[in-house]
């Protein structure tokens, strides 16, 4: 059922483009499909995941560094 609804939606989009007088005769028309496999979209999603993982790792490193610096400072203060 969903497939048919998506097909009808794409056909309506195509009809709107074809019946638009501003679209020149012989123009190349390419409809986008959000559900279609896209290597570019996959690469972008991977990049976001990597950036998130890198950001989390950097936050952990900073927290560890700050806690070690604080512990070192406390050790120096006690001495």
PDB file of N, CA and C in Angstrom:
ATOM      1  N   UNK A   1       0.816  -1.187   0.000  1.00  0.00           N
ATOM      2  CA  UNK A   1       0.000   0.000   0.000  1.00  0.00           C
ATOM      3  C   UNK A   1       0.864   1.258   0.000  1.00  0.00           C
ATOM      4  N   UNK A   2       1.903   1.260   0.855  1.00  0.00           N
ATOM      5  CA  UNK A   2       2.781   2.423   0.936  1.00  0.00           C
ATOM      6  C   UNK A   2       3.499   2.636  -0.389  1.00  0.00           C
ATOM      7  N   UNK A   3       3.927   1.528  -1.015  1.00  0.00           N
ATOM      8  CA  UNK A   3       4.603   1.635  -2.310  1.00  0.00           C
ATOM      9  C   UNK A   3       3.703   2.335  -3.322  1.00  0.00           C
ATOM     10  N   UNK A   4       2.437   1.978  -3.343  1.00  0.00           N
ATOM     11  CA  UNK A   4       1.501   2.585  -4.293  1.00  0.00           C
ATOM     12  C   UNK A   4       1.309   4.071  -3.993  1.00  0.00           C
ATOM     13  N   UNK A   5       1.249   4.416  -2.721  1.00  0.00           N
ATOM     14  CA  UNK A   5       1.097   5.828  -2.348  1.00  0.00           C
ATOM     15  C   UNK A   5       2.318   6.636  -2.781  1.00  0.00           C
ATOM     16  N   UNK A   6       3.503   6.060  -2.595  1.00  0.00           N
ATOM     17  CA  UNK A   6       4.721   6.744  -3.027  1.00  0.00           C
ATOM     18  C   UNK A   6       4.762   6.889  -4.543  1.00  0.00           C
ATOM     19  N   UNK A   7       4.295   5.849  -5.252  1.00  0.00           N
ATOM     20  CA  UNK A   7       4.257   5.908  -6.714  1.00  0.00           C
ATOM     21  C   UNK A   7       3.310   7.003  -7.182  1.00  0.00           C
ATOM     22  N   UNK A   8       2.151   7.089  -6.568  1.00  0.00           N
ATOM     23  CA  UNK A   8       1.183   8.138  -6.929  1.00  0.00           C
ATOM     24  C   UNK A   8       1.778   9.514  -6.649  1.00  0.00           C
ATOM     25  N   UNK A   9       2.458   9.652  -5.531  1.00  0.00           N
ATOM     26  CA  UNK A   9       3.084  10.933  -5.188  1.00  0.00           C
ATOM     27  C   UNK A   9       4.132  11.314  -6.231  1.00  0.00           C
ATOM     28  N   UNK A  10       4.958  10.355  -6.638  1.00  0.00           N
ATOM     29  CA  UNK A  10       5.985  10.625  -7.652  1.00  0.00           C
ATOM     30  C   UNK A  10       5.350  10.982  -8.991  1.00  0.00           C
ATOM     31  N   UNK A  11       4.268  10.287  -9.344  1.00  0.00           N
ATOM     32  CA  UNK A  11       3.587  10.596 -10.605  1.00  0.00           C
ATOM     33  C   UNK A  11       2.983  11.997 -10.577  1.00  0.00           C
ATOM     34  N   UNK A  12       2.447  12.389  -9.436  1.00  0.00           N
ATOM     35  CA  UNK A  12       1.902  13.750  -9.307  1.00  0.00           C
ATOM     36  C   UNK A  12       3.013  14.789  -9.445  1.00  0.00           C
ATOM     37  N   UNK A  13       4.149  14.518  -8.829  1.00  0.00           N
ATOM     38  CA  UNK A  13       5.293  15.424  -8.967  1.00  0.00           C
ATOM     39  C   UNK A  13       5.746  15.521 -10.418  1.00  0.00           C
ATOM     40  N   UNK A  14       5.812  14.379 -11.086  1.00  0.00           N
ATOM     41  CA  UNK A  14       6.205  14.356 -12.489  1.00  0.00           C
ATOM     42  C   UNK A  14       5.210  15.129 -13.339  1.00  0.00           C
ATOM     43  N   UNK A  15       3.927  14.914 -13.094  1.00  0.00           N
ATOM     44  CA  UNK A  15       2.893  15.617 -13.858  1.00  0.00           C
ATOM     45  C   UNK A  15       3.000  17.131 -13.646  1.00  0.00           C
ATOM     46  N   UNK A  16       3.260  17.543 -12.418  1.00  0.00           N
ATOM     47  CA  UNK A  16       3.405  18.975 -12.130  1.00  0.00           C
ATOM     48  C   UNK A  16       4.577  19.569 -12.904  1.00  0.00           C
ATOM     49  N   UNK A  17       5.665  18.830 -12.996  1.00  0.00           N
ATOM     50  CA  UNK A  17       6.831  19.310 -13.744  1.00  0.00           C
ATOM     51  C   UNK A  17       6.530  19.362 -15.232  1.00  0.00           C
ATOM     52  N   UNK A  18       5.935  18.286 -15.752  1.00  0.00           N
ATOM     53  CA  UNK A  18       5.657  18.226 -17.192  1.00  0.00           C
ATOM     54  C   UNK A  18       4.630  19.265 -17.632  1.00  0.00           C
ATOM     55  N   UNK A  19       3.717  19.609 -16.763  1.00  0.00           N
ATOM     56  CA  UNK A  19       2.688  20.583 -17.139  1.00  0.00           C
ATOM     57  C   UNK A  19       3.106  22.024 -16.821  1.00  0.00           C
ATOM     58  N   UNK A  20       4.290  22.207 -16.255  1.00  0.00           N
ATOM     59  CA  UNK A  20       4.788  23.550 -15.940  1.00  0.00           C
ATOM     60  C   UNK A  20       5.314  24.210 -17.212  1.00  0.00           C
ATOM     61  N   UNK A  21       4.746  25.352 -17.608  1.00  0.00           N
ATOM     62  CA  UNK A  21       5.192  26.014 -18.838  1.00  0.00           C
ATOM     63  C   UNK A  21       6.614  26.571 -18.728  1.00  0.00           C
ATOM     64  N   UNK A  22       7.142  26.697 -17.524  1.00  0.00           N
ATOM     65  CA  UNK A  22       8.504  27.212 -17.350  1.00  0.00           C
ATOM     66  C   UNK A  22       9.577  26.156 -17.586  1.00  0.00           C
ATOM     67  N   UNK A  23       9.173  24.888 -17.667  1.00  0.00           N
ATOM     68  CA  UNK A  23      10.132  23.812 -17.929  1.00  0.00           C
ATOM     69  C   UNK A  23      10.288  23.699 -19.440  1.00  0.00           C
ATOM     70  N   UNK A  24      11.512  23.902 -19.951  1.00  0.00           N
ATOM     71  CA  UNK A  24      11.712  23.881 -21.403  1.00  0.00           C
ATOM     72  C   UNK A  24      11.480  22.501 -22.014  1.00  0.00           C
ATOM     73  N   UNK A  25      11.054  22.486 -23.249  1.00  0.00           N
ATOM     74  CA  UNK A  25      10.851  21.247 -24.005  1.00  0.00           C
ATOM     75  C   UNK A  25      12.182  20.509 -24.095  1.00  0.00           C
ATOM     76  N   UNK A  26      12.174  19.229 -23.794  1.00  0.00           N
ATOM     77  CA  UNK A  26      13.386  18.414 -23.882  1.00  0.00           C
ATOM     78  C   UNK A  26      14.263  18.475 -22.641  1.00  0.00           C
ATOM     79  N   UNK A  27      13.797  19.163 -21.598  1.00  0.00           N
ATOM     80  CA  UNK A  27      14.586  19.259 -20.364  1.00  0.00           C
ATOM     81  C   UNK A  27      14.714  17.886 -19.714  1.00  0.00           C
ATOM     82  N   UNK A  28      15.866  17.620 -19.130  1.00  0.00           N
ATOM     83  CA  UNK A  28      16.091  16.372 -18.413  1.00  0.00           C
ATOM     84  C   UNK A  28      15.447  16.504 -17.035  1.00  0.00           C
ATOM     85  N   UNK A  29      14.612  15.544 -16.700  1.00  0.00           N
ATOM     86  CA  UNK A  29      13.882  15.566 -15.431  1.00  0.00           C
ATOM     87  C   UNK A  29      14.323  14.372 -14.604  1.00  0.00           C
ATOM     88  N   UNK A  30      14.665  14.640 -13.355  1.00  0.00           N
ATOM     89  CA  UNK A  30      15.047  13.560 -12.452  1.00  0.00           C
ATOM     90  C   UNK A  30      14.342  13.786 -11.124  1.00  0.00           C
ATOM     91  N   UNK A  31      13.479  12.866 -10.768  1.00  0.00           N
ATOM     92  CA  UNK A  31      12.763  12.958  -9.500  1.00  0.00           C
ATOM     93  C   UNK A  31      13.625  12.371  -8.393  1.00  0.00           C
ATOM     94  N   UNK A  32      13.592  12.993  -7.235  1.00  0.00           N
ATOM     95  CA  UNK A  32      14.343  12.454  -6.106  1.00  0.00           C
ATOM     96  C   UNK A  32      13.473  11.449  -5.358  1.00  0.00           C
ATOM     97  N   UNK A  33      14.141  10.510  -4.739  1.00  0.00           N
ATOM     98  CA  UNK A  33      13.441   9.492  -3.959  1.00  0.00           C
ATOM     99  C   UNK A  33      14.193   9.321  -2.644  1.00  0.00           C
ATOM    100  N   UNK A  34      13.599   9.779  -1.549  1.00  0.00           N
ATOM    101  CA  UNK A  34      14.253   9.711  -0.241  1.00  0.00           C
ATOM    102  C   UNK A  34      14.535   8.283   0.201  1.00  0.00           C
ATOM    103  N   UNK A  35      13.753   7.332  -0.290  1.00  0.00           N
ATOM    104  CA  UNK A  35      13.899   5.939   0.134  1.00  0.00           C
ATOM    105  C   UNK A  35      14.922   5.178  -0.709  1.00  0.00           C
ATOM    106  N   UNK A  36      15.362   5.774  -1.806  1.00  0.00           N
ATOM    107  CA  UNK A  36      16.276   5.111  -2.719  1.00  0.00           C
ATOM    108  C   UNK A  36      17.692   5.096  -2.132  1.00  0.00           C
ATOM    109  N   UNK A  37      18.444   4.021  -2.403  1.00  0.00           N
ATOM    110  CA  UNK A  37      19.819   3.915  -1.940  1.00  0.00           C
ATOM    111  C   UNK A  37      20.650   5.017  -2.576  1.00  0.00           C
ATOM    112  N   UNK A  38      21.424   5.696  -1.768  1.00  0.00           N
ATOM    113  CA  UNK A  38      22.286   6.763  -2.260  1.00  0.00           C
ATOM    114  C   UNK A  38      23.655   6.635  -1.597  1.00  0.00           C
ATOM    115  N   UNK A  39      24.698   6.345  -2.381  1.00  0.00           N
ATOM    116  CA  UNK A  39      26.035   6.249  -1.796  1.00  0.00           C
ATOM    117  C   UNK A  39      26.466   7.565  -1.144  1.00  0.00           C
ATOM    118  N   UNK A  40      26.022   8.679  -1.705  1.00  0.00           N
ATOM    119  CA  UNK A  40      26.378   9.976  -1.136  1.00  0.00           C
ATOM    120  C   UNK A  40      25.726  10.138   0.235  1.00  0.00           C
ATOM    121  N   UNK A  41      24.437   9.778   0.335  1.00  0.00           N
ATOM    122  CA  UNK A  41      23.747   9.888   1.623  1.00  0.00           C
ATOM    123  C   UNK A  41      24.400   8.971   2.656  1.00  0.00           C
ATOM    124  N   UNK A  42      24.768   7.756   2.242  1.00  0.00           N
ATOM    125  CA  UNK A  42      25.422   6.818   3.160  1.00  0.00           C
ATOM    126  C   UNK A  42      26.748   7.402   3.647  1.00  0.00           C
ATOM    127  N   UNK A  43      27.524   7.986   2.732  1.00  0.00           N
ATOM    128  CA  UNK A  43      28.806   8.589   3.104  1.00  0.00           C
ATOM    129  C   UNK A  43      28.605   9.757   4.064  1.00  0.00           C
ATOM    130  N   UNK A  44      27.578  10.561   3.822  1.00  0.00           N
ATOM    131  CA  UNK A  44      27.297  11.695   4.706  1.00  0.00           C
ATOM    132  C   UNK A  44      26.880  11.214   6.093  1.00  0.00           C
ATOM    133  N   UNK A  45      26.056  10.174   6.150  1.00  0.00           N
ATOM    134  CA  UNK A  45      25.637   9.619   7.438  1.00  0.00           C
ATOM    135  C   UNK A  45      26.829   9.025   8.187  1.00  0.00           C
ATOM    136  N   UNK A  46      27.719   8.343   7.445  1.00  0.00           N
ATOM    137  CA  UNK A  46      28.926   7.790   8.061  1.00  0.00           C
ATOM    138  C   UNK A  46      29.797   8.908   8.629  1.00  0.00           C
ATOM    139  N   UNK A  47      29.930   9.990   7.872  1.00  0.00           N
ATOM    140  CA  UNK A  47      30.742  11.124   8.314  1.00  0.00           C
ATOM    141  C   UNK A  47      30.182  11.709   9.608  1.00  0.00           C
ATOM    142  N   UNK A  48      28.877  11.850   9.684  1.00  0.00           N
ATOM    143  CA  UNK A  48      28.246  12.381  10.898  1.00  0.00           C
ATOM    144  C   UNK A  48      28.516  11.455  12.080  1.00  0.00           C
ATOM    145  N   UNK A  49      28.403  10.143  11.858  1.00  0.00           N
ATOM    146  CA  UNK A  49      28.654   9.186  12.942  1.00  0.00           C
ATOM    147  C   UNK A  49      30.104   9.254  13.405  1.00  0.00           C
ATOM    148  N   UNK A  50      31.028   9.371  12.445  1.00  0.00           N
ATOM    149  CA  UNK A  50      32.452   9.464  12.788  1.00  0.00           C
ATOM    150  C   UNK A  50      32.714  10.751  13.562  1.00  0.00           C
ATOM    151  N   UNK A  51      32.131  11.856  13.081  1.00  0.00           N
ATOM    152  CA  UNK A  51      32.319  13.132  13.776  1.00  0.00           C
ATOM    153  C   UNK A  51      31.761  13.064  15.194  1.00  0.00           C
ATOM    154  N   UNK A  52      30.605  12.419  15.359  1.00  0.00           N
ATOM    155  CA  UNK A  52      30.030  12.272  16.700  1.00  0.00           C
ATOM    156  C   UNK A  52      30.934  11.429  17.592  1.00  0.00           C
ATOM    157  N   UNK A  53      31.449  10.336  17.039  1.00  0.00           N
ATOM    158  CA  UNK A  53      32.344   9.465  17.808  1.00  0.00           C
ATOM    159  C   UNK A  53      33.624  10.214  18.160  1.00  0.00           C
ATOM    160  N   UNK A  54      34.169  10.969  17.189  1.00  0.00           N
ATOM    161  CA  UNK A  54      35.377  11.754  17.447  1.00  0.00           C
ATOM    162  C   UNK A  54      35.121  12.806  18.521  1.00  0.00           C
ATOM    163  N   UNK A  55      33.971  13.439  18.445  1.00  0.00           N
ATOM    164  CA  UNK A  55      33.617  14.468  19.422  1.00  0.00           C
ATOM    165  C   UNK A  55      33.495  13.865  20.820  1.00  0.00           C
ATOM    166  N   UNK A  56      32.861  12.700  20.910  1.00  0.00           N
ATOM    167  CA  UNK A  56      32.727  12.029  22.206  1.00  0.00           C
ATOM    168  C   UNK A  56      34.095  11.631  22.756  1.00  0.00           C
ATOM    169  N   UNK A  57      34.963  11.114  21.869  1.00  0.00           N
ATOM    170  CA  UNK A  57      36.288  10.705  22.302  1.00  0.00           C
ATOM    171  C   UNK A  57      37.083  11.920  22.778  1.00  0.00           C
ATOM    172  N   UNK A  58      36.986  13.023  22.048  1.00  0.00           N
ATOM    173  CA  UNK A  58      37.689  14.236  22.440  1.00  0.00           C
ATOM    174  C   UNK A  58      37.187  14.747  23.791  1.00  0.00           C
ATOM    175  N   UNK A  59      35.892  14.677  24.008  1.00  0.00           N
ATOM    176  CA  UNK A  59      35.325  15.095  25.300  1.00  0.00           C
ATOM    177  C   UNK A  59      35.853  14.222  26.430  1.00  0.00           C
ATOM    178  N   UNK A  60      35.949  12.921  26.199  1.00  0.00           N
ATOM    179  CA  UNK A  60      36.479  12.011  27.224  1.00  0.00           C
ATOM    180  C   UNK A  60      37.949  12.309  27.519  1.00  0.00           C
ATOM    181  N   UNK A  61      38.709  12.562  26.448  1.00  0.00           N
ATOM    182  CA  UNK A  61      40.134  12.874  26.629  1.00  0.00           C
ATOM    183  C   UNK A  61      40.291  14.162  27.428  1.00  0.00           C
ATOM    184  N   UNK A  62      39.482  15.169  27.094  1.00  0.00           N
ATOM    185  CA  UNK A  62      39.547  16.437  27.833  1.00  0.00           C
ATOM    186  C   UNK A  62      39.185  16.232  29.305  1.00  0.00           C
ATOM    187  N   UNK A  63      38.127  15.471  29.555  1.00  0.00           N
ATOM    188  CA  UNK A  63      37.700  15.221  30.934  1.00  0.00           C
ATOM    189  C   UNK A  63      38.790  14.485  31.705  1.00  0.00           C
ATOM    190  N   UNK A  64      39.395  13.486  31.068  1.00  0.00           N
ATOM    191  CA  UNK A  64      40.471  12.734  31.713  1.00  0.00           C
ATOM    192  C   UNK A  64      41.665  13.640  31.989  1.00  0.00           C
ATOM    193  N   UNK A  65      42.009  14.456  31.014  1.00  0.00           N
ATOM    194  CA  UNK A  65      43.130  15.376  31.162  1.00  0.00           C
ATOM    195  C   UNK A  65      42.873  16.373  32.291  1.00  0.00           C
ATOM    196  N   UNK A  66      41.652  16.890  32.355  1.00  0.00           N
ATOM    197  CA  UNK A  66      41.305  17.851  33.407  1.00  0.00           C
ATOM    198  C   UNK A  66      41.328  17.197  34.782  1.00  0.00           C
ATOM    199  N   UNK A  67      40.832  15.965  34.868  1.00  0.00           N
ATOM    200  CA  UNK A  67      40.830  15.285  36.172  1.00  0.00           C
ATOM    201  C   UNK A  67      42.251  14.967  36.616  1.00  0.00           C
ATOM    202  N   UNK A  68      43.118  14.596  35.667  1.00  0.00           N
ATOM    203  CA  UNK A  68      44.515  14.329  36.029  1.00  0.00           C
ATOM    204  C   UNK A  68      45.217  15.616  36.436  1.00  0.00           C
ATOM    205  N   UNK A  69      44.931  16.703  35.722  1.00  0.00           N
ATOM    206  CA  UNK A  69      45.536  17.993  36.072  1.00  0.00           C
ATOM    207  C   UNK A  69      45.067  18.438  37.452  1.00  0.00           C
ATOM    208  N   UNK A  70      43.797  18.225  37.740  1.00  0.00           N
ATOM    209  CA  UNK A  70      43.242  18.595  39.045  1.00  0.00           C
ATOM    210  C   UNK A  70      43.885  17.756  40.147  1.00  0.00           C
ATOM    211  N   UNK A  71      44.040  16.459  39.907  1.00  0.00           N
ATOM    212  CA  UNK A  71      44.666  15.573  40.895  1.00  0.00           C
ATOM    213  C   UNK A  71      46.116  15.977  41.122  1.00  0.00           C
ATOM    214  N   UNK A  72      46.818  16.329  40.060  1.00  0.00           N
ATOM    215  CA  UNK A  72      48.207  16.760  40.175  1.00  0.00           C
ATOM    216  C   UNK A  72      48.291  18.062  40.964  1.00  0.00           C
ATOM    217  N   UNK A  73      47.377  18.977  40.685  1.00  0.00           N
ATOM    218  CA  UNK A  73      47.335  20.256  41.401  1.00  0.00           C
ATOM    219  C   UNK A  73      47.075  20.030  42.890  1.00  0.00           C
ATOM    220  N   UNK A  74      46.150  19.122  43.207  1.00  0.00           N
ATOM    221  CA  UNK A  74      45.840  18.818  44.611  1.00  0.00           C
ATOM    222  C   UNK A  74      47.041  18.190  45.311  1.00  0.00           C
ATOM    223  N   UNK A  75      47.779  17.353  44.583  1.00  0.00           N
ATOM    224  CA  UNK A  75      48.973  16.719  45.142  1.00  0.00           C
ATOM    225  C   UNK A  75      50.025  17.779  45.452  1.00  0.00           C
ATOM    226  N   UNK A  76      50.198  18.739  44.547  1.00  0.00           N
ATOM    227  CA  UNK A  76      51.177  19.809  44.754  1.00  0.00           C
ATOM    228  C   UNK A  76      50.759  20.709  45.912  1.00  0.00           C
ATOM    229  N   UNK A  77      49.462  20.943  46.046  1.00  0.00           N
ATOM    230  CA  UNK A  77      48.950  21.806  47.106  1.00  0.00           C
ATOM    231  C   UNK A  77      49.170  21.166  48.477  1.00  0.00           C
ATOM    232  N   UNK A  78      49.011  19.854  48.564  1.00  0.00           N
ATOM    233  CA  UNK A  78      49.174  19.138  49.833  1.00  0.00           C
ATOM    234  C   UNK A  78      50.638  19.066  50.253  1.00  0.00           C
ATOM    235  N   UNK A  79      51.536  19.148  49.290  1.00  0.00           N
ATOM    236  CA  UNK A  79      52.970  19.012  49.605  1.00  0.00           C
ATOM    237  C   UNK A  79      53.563  20.241  50.203  1.00  0.00           C
TER     238      UNK A  79
END
